[in-house]
Structures are given as C-alpha cells and as structure tokens.
Amino acid sequence: MSKRALLEVIALDARDAVAAAEGGADRLELVTDMAADGLTPSLATFREVRAAVPLPVRVMLRASDGFSAGTPADLRALTETARALRDVGADEFVFGFLDETGGPDLRALDALLDALGSPAPPRWTFHRAIDRAASRESLRKHLADLPGLDTYLTAGSPEGVTDGLPALLAEAALTQRGEPGYEPVLMAGGGLHLTHLPQLLAAGITAFHIGGAARPQGWAGPVVASAVREWRGALGGLGVSFG
C-alpha cells in the first residue's frame, strides 16, 4: 500500500488553520508577516491555533526577513521567544540561519536547540535557507548530527521549484538511498504548482508545502478549504469534513 503524501499548509491564524484542516492538510506551518516571508507568530496566535485544530503545528522561529540570525542580542531575544512558545505547548518548529559565508550558522542553531531542548529536542524543519546556502551538500553534512532535525523545506533554488527541479530530483534520489546527510524528509515548497507534482511524486518525494496556492485571493485573503482539497486530491487521499 502506498503511503499518503504529507501536505503542509501555511497558516497565519486560527481561521486559516480550520480551513486547512477542512481541506485535508496534514500539518500547519504557523507564521506571521508574509511580506517578510514568514516570521515568528505571537504566543496568543499559537494558543488560538492549537485550540482550533488537532493538526501538528510547526512554528516559525525567525525575527526578521532574510536568513541571518542577527546580532547576539537578536539571537538572545529569539531564544527567549522559543522558550516561551515551548512553555505554552509548541513542540514542533521551523528555523534555519546562514552565516556570512553562506554556510549554516551553527552558533544560532545550537542556541535555539539549547533553548528548545527540554524535556527532549523537538522535531523541526530547516527551512528554505538551504536554497541560499553556498553549498547545499556541505550544509547537510554540517547539520547531520543536530537533534530533532527531520525535514528540509526546499524549492531546490532561490527562484522556486520550477528553477529548482533538477536539484530536487537529484536530492530525492540521495534521500531514497539514505545517503549521509540526506536522511531527513525532503519537503518540496516555494513556488510549488500542481503541474510539478507528477514528476516530484515519481521521484519519491512524499512531502509538500503550500502557502499562496491555498489562498485564491492572495495573501490578503484567507486559506480556502476547497483550494487545499484540490491539492489533497492531487496528492492522494481526499480531505474530510472538520468541525
């Protein structure tokens, strides 16, 4: 029996979360401020979403646009926010930072993992910072032993999935083989279109991430259940009514 592909949907609030669940989403990425490509939501928003739906919720940890963790003071503030989110029940996260050379900022990643690591390291996604890395392969090798890392969210290119298809297909093959550094789930997202799915599914990719594709009115409008349901159907397995 084939495994149902995972569909993750970006949510900005509880209304989005309910619509995503109704459409058949498997998981949410909770963010605020998509004008900055997604920043850390408030504790109040997390609580509202957590109360609204039973879906897993991965919370973005990112204080500003770009992929730098900022100054030491900026990083301290982000780790305090991370602890506060953990304290109110957040148990899955999304983050990832690059240093000035384009390599992974291990100082920042270690600081966040220390902040989040009680009682046990949470599951987390390294987000599309990988698409801006100087070397995708080197980044994966440096992160291979970090606790809790179970997913890479990537378009294969800073320009999106259409441009990044060759990289995604190559990495899918390495992931399938379990090559060192490629054990985490490869989640395709970033300019993802329904037309990309046949090739990505055929390559063995089993996780997909959508944001604007779930919002027919654009980012000014909410997630719409029927839009999510179209993706759920294309990936296999129709969504069920949620109430």
Foldseek 3Di string as FASTA:
>chain_A
DDDFFAEEEEAAAQVQLQLLQQLPHQEYEYFDDCVLPGAFDDLVRVVRNVVRDVHQYATEQHHGRDAACDDPVSLVVSLVRLLVNVVSPRQEYEHWHADPQQATPVVSVVSNQVSQQPPHGGAYEHEASCQRGPDNVVNLQVCQPPPRDAEYEHLLHPQGVVVRVVSLLVLLVCCVVVPRSSVHAYEYDDNDDLVCPVVNVVSPRRHYYDYQQQAPVGPVGHGHSNSSQVVSVSSPDGRHGDD
